[in-house]
Amino acid sequence: MYDQGTEKERILYSQDVEKRSGGKITANWAGLEALADDLKEEYRKYFPTRRGLIIGYKYDIIEQGEIISKLNKEYLKSLNLD
């Protein structure tokens, strides 16, 4: 959503998340923007790319999902949502 969505899509997503969570969760686009370069660099460690192609491809689709899941969990843990 952040990388490929439009501003309108991000606004609608933010409103939906807030509504579905009863106001407990909001989409923090500014926080994501602040971390964008770090997150992209972390992603490149696992999926080195150039022109949209994976170089030295070594992960099947299940492994890709597991890596992305791990990255997402680390990010969510760093938010300290407790």
PDB file of N, CA and C in Angstrom:
ATOM      1  N   MET A   1       0.828  -1.184   0.000  1.00  0.00           N
ATOM      2  CA  MET A   1       0.000   0.000   0.000  1.00  0.00           C
ATOM      3  C   MET A   1       0.877   1.254   0.000  1.00  0.00           C
ATOM      4  N   TYR A   2       1.903   1.249   0.819  1.00  0.00           N
ATOM      5  CA  TYR A   2       2.780   2.421   0.904  1.00  0.00           C
ATOM      6  C   TYR A   2       3.543   2.615  -0.402  1.00  0.00           C
ATOM      7  N   ASP A   3       4.107   1.545  -0.898  1.00  0.00           N
ATOM      8  CA  ASP A   3       4.999   1.637  -2.041  1.00  0.00           C
ATOM      9  C   ASP A   3       4.266   1.789  -3.370  1.00  0.00           C
ATOM     10  N   GLN A   4       3.126   1.117  -3.517  1.00  0.00           N
ATOM     11  CA  GLN A   4       2.476   1.103  -4.813  1.00  0.00           C
ATOM     12  C   GLN A   4       1.068   1.690  -4.806  1.00  0.00           C
ATOM     13  N   GLY A   5       0.543   2.001  -3.647  1.00  0.00           N
ATOM     14  CA  GLY A   5      -0.806   2.560  -3.568  1.00  0.00           C
ATOM     15  C   GLY A   5      -0.821   4.060  -3.810  1.00  0.00           C
ATOM     16  N   THR A   6      -1.987   4.555  -4.147  1.00  0.00           N
ATOM     17  CA  THR A   6      -2.155   5.999  -4.319  1.00  0.00           C
ATOM     18  C   THR A   6      -2.439   6.640  -2.966  1.00  0.00           C
ATOM     19  N   GLU A   7      -2.342   7.956  -2.910  1.00  0.00           N
ATOM     20  CA  GLU A   7      -2.660   8.686  -1.673  1.00  0.00           C
ATOM     21  C   GLU A   7      -4.096   8.396  -1.248  1.00  0.00           C
ATOM     22  N   LYS A   8      -5.012   8.382  -2.204  1.00  0.00           N
ATOM     23  CA  LYS A   8      -6.419   8.098  -1.896  1.00  0.00           C
ATOM     24  C   LYS A   8      -6.580   6.693  -1.310  1.00  0.00           C
ATOM     25  N   GLU A   9      -5.890   5.711  -1.885  1.00  0.00           N
ATOM     26  CA  GLU A   9      -5.964   4.341  -1.366  1.00  0.00           C
ATOM     27  C   GLU A   9      -5.415   4.266   0.052  1.00  0.00           C
ATOM     28  N   ARG A  10      -4.339   4.991   0.326  1.00  0.00           N
ATOM     29  CA  ARG A  10      -3.770   4.999   1.681  1.00  0.00           C
ATOM     30  C   ARG A  10      -4.744   5.624   2.680  1.00  0.00           C
ATOM     31  N   ILE A  11      -5.406   6.694   2.277  1.00  0.00           N
ATOM     32  CA  ILE A  11      -6.389   7.337   3.166  1.00  0.00           C
ATOM     33  C   ILE A  11      -7.537   6.388   3.459  1.00  0.00           C
ATOM     34  N   LEU A  12      -8.076   5.750   2.413  1.00  0.00           N
ATOM     35  CA  LEU A  12      -9.181   4.805   2.604  1.00  0.00           C
ATOM     36  C   LEU A  12      -8.755   3.624   3.472  1.00  0.00           C
ATOM     37  N   TYR A  13      -7.541   3.140   3.260  1.00  0.00           N
ATOM     38  CA  TYR A  13      -7.016   2.041   4.078  1.00  0.00           C
ATOM     39  C   TYR A  13      -6.915   2.471   5.533  1.00  0.00           C
ATOM     40  N   SER A  14      -6.378   3.661   5.766  1.00  0.00           N
ATOM     41  CA  SER A  14      -6.236   4.174   7.133  1.00  0.00           C
ATOM     42  C   SER A  14      -7.584   4.257   7.833  1.00  0.00           C
ATOM     43  N   GLN A  15      -8.569   4.766   7.121  1.00  0.00           N
ATOM     44  CA  GLN A  15      -9.911   4.882   7.692  1.00  0.00           C
ATOM     45  C   GLN A  15     -10.493   3.512   7.998  1.00  0.00           C
ATOM     46  N   ASP A  16     -10.295   2.547   7.107  1.00  0.00           N
ATOM     47  CA  ASP A  16     -10.809   1.197   7.311  1.00  0.00           C
ATOM     48  C   ASP A  16     -10.155   0.532   8.520  1.00  0.00           C
ATOM     49  N   VAL A  17      -8.834   0.647   8.628  1.00  0.00           N
ATOM     50  CA  VAL A  17      -8.116   0.044   9.761  1.00  0.00           C
ATOM     51  C   VAL A  17      -8.604   0.648  11.074  1.00  0.00           C
ATOM     52  N   GLU A  18      -8.730   1.946  11.112  1.00  0.00           N
ATOM     53  CA  GLU A  18      -9.168   2.605  12.345  1.00  0.00           C
ATOM     54  C   GLU A  18     -10.597   2.186  12.708  1.00  0.00           C
ATOM     55  N   LYS A  19     -11.456   2.128  11.708  1.00  0.00           N
ATOM     56  CA  LYS A  19     -12.851   1.737  11.957  1.00  0.00           C
ATOM     57  C   LYS A  19     -12.938   0.296  12.451  1.00  0.00           C
ATOM     58  N   ARG A  20     -12.216  -0.620  11.772  1.00  0.00           N
ATOM     59  CA  ARG A  20     -12.286  -2.041  12.128  1.00  0.00           C
ATOM     60  C   ARG A  20     -11.690  -2.328  13.506  1.00  0.00           C
ATOM     61  N   SER A  21     -10.744  -1.512  13.927  1.00  0.00           N
ATOM     62  CA  SER A  21     -10.109  -1.730  15.226  1.00  0.00           C
ATOM     63  C   SER A  21     -10.792  -0.946  16.343  1.00  0.00           C
ATOM     64  N   GLY A  22     -11.867  -0.248  16.009  1.00  0.00           N
ATOM     65  CA  GLY A  22     -12.539   0.563  17.018  1.00  0.00           C
ATOM     66  C   GLY A  22     -11.684   1.718  17.498  1.00  0.00           C
ATOM     67  N   GLY A  23     -10.818   2.213  16.626  1.00  0.00           N
ATOM     68  CA  GLY A  23      -9.964   3.346  16.980  1.00  0.00           C
ATOM     69  C   GLY A  23      -8.674   2.975  17.689  1.00  0.00           C
ATOM     70  N   LYS A  24      -8.436   1.671  17.881  1.00  0.00           N
ATOM     71  CA  LYS A  24      -7.234   1.232  18.596  1.00  0.00           C
ATOM     72  C   LYS A  24      -5.988   1.229  17.712  1.00  0.00           C
ATOM     73  N   ILE A  25      -6.185   1.105  16.412  1.00  0.00           N
ATOM     74  CA  ILE A  25      -5.059   1.021  15.486  1.00  0.00           C
ATOM     75  C   ILE A  25      -5.229   2.088  14.411  1.00  0.00           C
ATOM     76  N   THR A  26      -4.143   2.746  14.089  1.00  0.00           N
ATOM     77  CA  THR A  26      -4.141   3.700  12.987  1.00  0.00           C
ATOM     78  C   THR A  26      -2.955   3.395  12.084  1.00  0.00           C
ATOM     79  N   ALA A  27      -3.073   3.768  10.831  1.00  0.00           N
ATOM     80  CA  ALA A  27      -1.957   3.599   9.895  1.00  0.00           C
ATOM     81  C   ALA A  27      -1.037   4.801  10.053  1.00  0.00           C
ATOM     82  N   ASN A  28       0.195   4.542  10.412  1.00  0.00           N
ATOM     83  CA  ASN A  28       1.160   5.607  10.660  1.00  0.00           C
ATOM     84  C   ASN A  28       2.069   5.765   9.441  1.00  0.00           C
ATOM     85  N   TRP A  29       1.577   6.474   8.435  1.00  0.00           N
ATOM     86  CA  TRP A  29       2.340   6.638   7.199  1.00  0.00           C
ATOM     87  C   TRP A  29       3.605   7.470   7.432  1.00  0.00           C
ATOM     88  N   ALA A  30       3.547   8.435   8.329  1.00  0.00           N
ATOM     89  CA  ALA A  30       4.730   9.254   8.612  1.00  0.00           C
ATOM     90  C   ALA A  30       5.833   8.401   9.229  1.00  0.00           C
ATOM     91  N   GLY A  31       5.453   7.492  10.127  1.00  0.00           N
ATOM     92  CA  GLY A  31       6.428   6.591  10.730  1.00  0.00           C
ATOM     93  C   GLY A  31       7.048   5.666   9.697  1.00  0.00           C
ATOM     94  N   LEU A  32       6.214   5.186   8.788  1.00  0.00           N
ATOM     95  CA  LEU A  32       6.709   4.324   7.728  1.00  0.00           C
ATOM     96  C   LEU A  32       7.636   5.097   6.798  1.00  0.00           C
ATOM     97  N   GLU A  33       7.274   6.319   6.487  1.00  0.00           N
ATOM     98  CA  GLU A  33       8.115   7.173   5.637  1.00  0.00           C
ATOM     99  C   GLU A  33       9.489   7.374   6.280  1.00  0.00           C
ATOM    100  N   ALA A  34       9.508   7.568   7.584  1.00  0.00           N
ATOM    101  CA  ALA A  34      10.777   7.757   8.296  1.00  0.00           C
ATOM    102  C   ALA A  34      11.654   6.511   8.237  1.00  0.00           C
ATOM    103  N   LEU A  35      11.021   5.344   8.143  1.00  0.00           N
ATOM    104  CA  LEU A  35      11.762   4.082   8.108  1.00  0.00           C
ATOM    105  C   LEU A  35      11.964   3.533   6.697  1.00  0.00           C
ATOM    106  N   ALA A  36      11.436   4.207   5.699  1.00  0.00           N
ATOM    107  CA  ALA A  36      11.412   3.677   4.333  1.00  0.00           C
ATOM    108  C   ALA A  36      12.778   3.217   3.842  1.00  0.00           C
ATOM    109  N   ASP A  37      13.788   4.037   3.970  1.00  0.00           N
ATOM    110  CA  ASP A  37      15.114   3.662   3.471  1.00  0.00           C
ATOM    111  C   ASP A  37      15.671   2.448   4.210  1.00  0.00           C
ATOM    112  N   ASP A  38      15.491   2.419   5.530  1.00  0.00           N
ATOM    113  CA  ASP A  38      15.974   1.275   6.316  1.00  0.00           C
ATOM    114  C   ASP A  38      15.239  -0.003   5.935  1.00  0.00           C
ATOM    115  N   LEU A  39      13.927   0.093   5.757  1.00  0.00           N
ATOM    116  CA  LEU A  39      13.131  -1.081   5.405  1.00  0.00           C
ATOM    117  C   LEU A  39      13.496  -1.607   4.016  1.00  0.00           C
ATOM    118  N   LYS A  40      13.708  -0.699   3.078  1.00  0.00           N
ATOM    119  CA  LYS A  40      14.098  -1.120   1.730  1.00  0.00           C
ATOM    120  C   LYS A  40      15.467  -1.797   1.747  1.00  0.00           C
ATOM    121  N   GLU A  41      16.379  -1.273   2.534  1.00  0.00           N
ATOM    122  CA  GLU A  41      17.708  -1.874   2.639  1.00  0.00           C
ATOM    123  C   GLU A  41      17.621  -3.268   3.270  1.00  0.00           C
ATOM    124  N   GLU A  42      16.801  -3.423   4.295  1.00  0.00           N
ATOM    125  CA  GLU A  42      16.601  -4.727   4.930  1.00  0.00           C
ATOM    126  C   GLU A  42      16.018  -5.718   3.929  1.00  0.00           C
ATOM    127  N   TYR A  43      15.060  -5.270   3.132  1.00  0.00           N
ATOM    128  CA  TYR A  43      14.446  -6.118   2.112  1.00  0.00           C
ATOM    129  C   TYR A  43      15.495  -6.575   1.100  1.00  0.00           C
ATOM    130  N   ARG A  44      16.377  -5.654   0.695  1.00  0.00           N
ATOM    131  CA  ARG A  44      17.407  -5.982  -0.306  1.00  0.00           C
ATOM    132  C   ARG A  44      18.401  -7.029   0.202  1.00  0.00           C
ATOM    133  N   LYS A  45      18.552  -7.145   1.522  1.00  0.00           N
ATOM    134  CA  LYS A  45      19.441  -8.173   2.065  1.00  0.00           C
ATOM    135  C   LYS A  45      18.950  -9.556   1.677  1.00  0.00           C
ATOM    136  N   TYR A  46      17.634  -9.723   1.658  1.00  0.00           N
ATOM    137  CA  TYR A  46      17.039 -11.017   1.351  1.00  0.00           C
ATOM    138  C   TYR A  46      16.703 -11.171  -0.127  1.00  0.00           C
ATOM    139  N   PHE A  47      16.316 -10.073  -0.762  1.00  0.00           N
ATOM    140  CA  PHE A  47      15.880 -10.113  -2.157  1.00  0.00           C
ATOM    141  C   PHE A  47      16.629  -9.061  -2.978  1.00  0.00           C
ATOM    142  N   PRO A  48      17.899  -9.297  -3.287  1.00  0.00           N
ATOM    143  CA  PRO A  48      18.642  -8.308  -4.071  1.00  0.00           C
ATOM    144  C   PRO A  48      18.023  -8.175  -5.460  1.00  0.00           C
ATOM    145  N   THR A  49      17.718  -6.947  -5.865  1.00  0.00           N
ATOM    146  CA  THR A  49      17.053  -6.745  -7.148  1.00  0.00           C
ATOM    147  C   THR A  49      17.725  -5.667  -7.974  1.00  0.00           C
ATOM    148  N   ARG A  50      17.465  -5.742  -9.252  1.00  0.00           N
ATOM    149  CA  ARG A  50      17.869  -4.706 -10.187  1.00  0.00           C
ATOM    150  C   ARG A  50      16.853  -4.741 -11.321  1.00  0.00           C
ATOM    151  N   ARG A  51      16.235  -3.614 -11.596  1.00  0.00           N
ATOM    152  CA  ARG A  51      15.208  -3.528 -12.631  1.00  0.00           C
ATOM    153  C   ARG A  51      14.068  -4.499 -12.378  1.00  0.00           C
ATOM    154  N   GLY A  52      13.744  -4.733 -11.134  1.00  0.00           N
ATOM    155  CA  GLY A  52      12.608  -5.585 -10.795  1.00  0.00           C
ATOM    156  C   GLY A  52      12.862  -7.075 -10.889  1.00  0.00           C
ATOM    157  N   LEU A  53      14.069  -7.472 -11.218  1.00  0.00           N
ATOM    158  CA  LEU A  53      14.379  -8.896 -11.342  1.00  0.00           C
ATOM    159  C   LEU A  53      15.199  -9.347 -10.148  1.00  0.00           C
ATOM    160  N   ILE A  54      14.972 -10.552  -9.701  1.00  0.00           N
ATOM    161  CA  ILE A  54      15.736 -11.087  -8.580  1.00  0.00           C
ATOM    162  C   ILE A  54      17.026 -11.690  -9.121  1.00  0.00           C
ATOM    163  N   ILE A  55      18.145 -11.230  -8.604  1.00  0.00           N
ATOM    164  CA  ILE A  55      19.447 -11.700  -9.046  1.00  0.00           C
ATOM    165  C   ILE A  55      19.902 -12.817  -8.118  1.00  0.00           C
ATOM    166  N   GLY A  56      20.417 -13.884  -8.692  1.00  0.00           N
ATOM    167  CA  GLY A  56      20.860 -15.000  -7.863  1.00  0.00           C
ATOM    168  C   GLY A  56      19.685 -15.605  -7.106  1.00  0.00           C
ATOM    169  N   TYR A  57      18.535 -15.698  -7.758  1.00  0.00           N
ATOM    170  CA  TYR A  57      17.316 -16.190  -7.129  1.00  0.00           C
ATOM    171  C   TYR A  57      17.577 -17.522  -6.443  1.00  0.00           C
ATOM    172  N   LYS A  58      17.198 -17.603  -5.169  1.00  0.00           N
ATOM    173  CA  LYS A  58      17.444 -18.841  -4.450  1.00  0.00           C
ATOM    174  C   LYS A  58      16.299 -19.257  -3.538  1.00  0.00           C
ATOM    175  N   TYR A  59      15.192 -18.533  -3.559  1.00  0.00           N
ATOM    176  CA  TYR A  59      14.077 -18.850  -2.675  1.00  0.00           C
ATOM    177  C   TYR A  59      12.845 -19.244  -3.477  1.00  0.00           C
ATOM    178  N   ASP A  60      12.170 -20.323  -3.044  1.00  0.00           N
ATOM    179  CA  ASP A  60      10.896 -20.639  -3.681  1.00  0.00           C
ATOM    180  C   ASP A  60       9.809 -19.762  -3.051  1.00  0.00           C
ATOM    181  N   ILE A  61       8.600 -19.852  -3.552  1.00  0.00           N
ATOM    182  CA  ILE A  61       7.523 -18.955  -3.109  1.00  0.00           C
ATOM    183  C   ILE A  61       7.224 -19.113  -1.614  1.00  0.00           C
ATOM    184  N   ILE A  62       7.333 -20.309  -1.080  1.00  0.00           N
ATOM    185  CA  ILE A  62       7.086 -20.533   0.347  1.00  0.00           C
ATOM    186  C   ILE A  62       8.180 -19.871   1.181  1.00  0.00           C
ATOM    187  N   GLU A  63       9.429 -20.029   0.754  1.00  0.00           N
ATOM    188  CA  GLU A  63      10.534 -19.392   1.469  1.00  0.00           C
ATOM    189  C   GLU A  63      10.419 -17.872   1.416  1.00  0.00           C
ATOM    190  N   GLN A  64       9.986 -17.331   0.277  1.00  0.00           N
ATOM    191  CA  GLN A  64       9.789 -15.889   0.173  1.00  0.00           C
ATOM    192  C   GLN A  64       8.758 -15.419   1.195  1.00  0.00           C
ATOM    193  N   GLY A  65       7.654 -16.144   1.299  1.00  0.00           N
ATOM    194  CA  GLY A  65       6.612 -15.807   2.267  1.00  0.00           C
ATOM    195  C   GLY A  65       7.125 -15.856   3.694  1.00  0.00           C
ATOM    196  N   GLU A  66       7.939 -16.867   3.996  1.00  0.00           N
ATOM    197  CA  GLU A  66       8.496 -16.994   5.341  1.00  0.00           C
ATOM    198  C   GLU A  66       9.428 -15.822   5.669  1.00  0.00           C
ATOM    199  N   ILE A  67      10.236 -15.417   4.705  1.00  0.00           N
ATOM    200  CA  ILE A  67      11.151 -14.297   4.928  1.00  0.00           C
ATOM    201  C   ILE A  67      10.373 -13.007   5.130  1.00  0.00           C
ATOM    202  N   ILE A  68       9.388 -12.773   4.289  1.00  0.00           N
ATOM    203  CA  ILE A  68       8.577 -11.559   4.420  1.00  0.00           C
ATOM    204  C   ILE A  68       7.836 -11.561   5.741  1.00  0.00           C
ATOM    205  N   SER A  69       7.314 -12.720   6.143  1.00  0.00           N
ATOM    206  CA  SER A  69       6.637 -12.839   7.434  1.00  0.00           C
ATOM    207  C   SER A  69       7.589 -12.499   8.573  1.00  0.00           C
ATOM    208  N   LYS A  70       8.821 -13.000   8.498  1.00  0.00           N
ATOM    209  CA  LYS A  70       9.822 -12.710   9.525  1.00  0.00           C
ATOM    210  C   LYS A  70      10.106 -11.212   9.599  1.00  0.00           C
ATOM    211  N   LEU A  71      10.285 -10.585   8.442  1.00  0.00           N
ATOM    212  CA  LEU A  71      10.540  -9.145   8.414  1.00  0.00           C
ATOM    213  C   LEU A  71       9.365  -8.369   9.002  1.00  0.00           C
ATOM    214  N   ASN A  72       8.145  -8.780   8.650  1.00  0.00           N
ATOM    215  CA  ASN A  72       6.961  -8.113   9.197  1.00  0.00           C
ATOM    216  C   ASN A  72       6.883  -8.272  10.709  1.00  0.00           C
ATOM    217  N   LYS A  73       7.160  -9.459  11.223  1.00  0.00           N
ATOM    218  CA  LYS A  73       7.121  -9.698  12.666  1.00  0.00           C
ATOM    219  C   LYS A  73       8.156  -8.843  13.393  1.00  0.00           C
ATOM    220  N   GLU A  74       9.358  -8.755  12.814  1.00  0.00           N
ATOM    221  CA  GLU A  74      10.400  -7.931  13.433  1.00  0.00           C
ATOM    222  C   GLU A  74       9.970  -6.468  13.466  1.00  0.00           C
ATOM    223  N   TYR A  75       9.363  -6.011  12.376  1.00  0.00           N
ATOM    224  CA  TYR A  75       8.906  -4.631  12.325  1.00  0.00           C
ATOM    225  C   TYR A  75       7.813  -4.390  13.364  1.00  0.00           C
ATOM    226  N   LEU A  76       6.819  -5.263  13.415  1.00  0.00           N
ATOM    227  CA  LEU A  76       5.731  -5.087  14.381  1.00  0.00           C
ATOM    228  C   LEU A  76       6.241  -5.139  15.815  1.00  0.00           C
ATOM    229  N   LYS A  77       7.191  -6.033  16.073  1.00  0.00           N
ATOM    230  CA  LYS A  77       7.780  -6.123  17.408  1.00  0.00           C
ATOM    231  C   LYS A  77       8.480  -4.804  17.769  1.00  0.00           C
ATOM    232  N   SER A  78       9.112  -4.185  16.795  1.00  0.00           N
ATOM    233  CA  SER A  78       9.832  -2.942  17.055  1.00  0.00           C
ATOM    234  C   SER A  78       8.887  -1.783  17.394  1.00  0.00           C
ATOM    235  N   LEU A  79       7.612  -1.929  17.052  1.00  0.00           N
ATOM    236  CA  LEU A  79       6.640  -0.870  17.335  1.00  0.00           C
ATOM    237  C   LEU A  79       6.208  -0.852  18.803  1.00  0.00           C
ATOM    238  N   ASN A  80       6.486  -1.926  19.537  1.00  0.00           N
ATOM    239  CA  ASN A  80       6.109  -2.022  20.953  1.00  0.00           C
ATOM    240  C   ASN A  80       4.633  -1.703  21.156  1.00  0.00           C
ATOM    241  N   LEU A  81       3.767  -2.483  20.563  1.00  0.00           N
ATOM    242  CA  LEU A  81       2.318  -2.241  20.627  1.00  0.00           C
ATOM    243  C   LEU A  81       1.677  -2.769  21.902  1.00  0.00           C
ATOM    244  N   ASP A  82       2.462  -3.297  22.811  1.00  0.00           N
ATOM    245  CA  ASP A  82       1.888  -3.875  24.038  1.00  0.00           C
ATOM    246  C   ASP A  82       1.162  -2.870  24.870  1.00  0.00           C
TER     247      ASP A  82
END
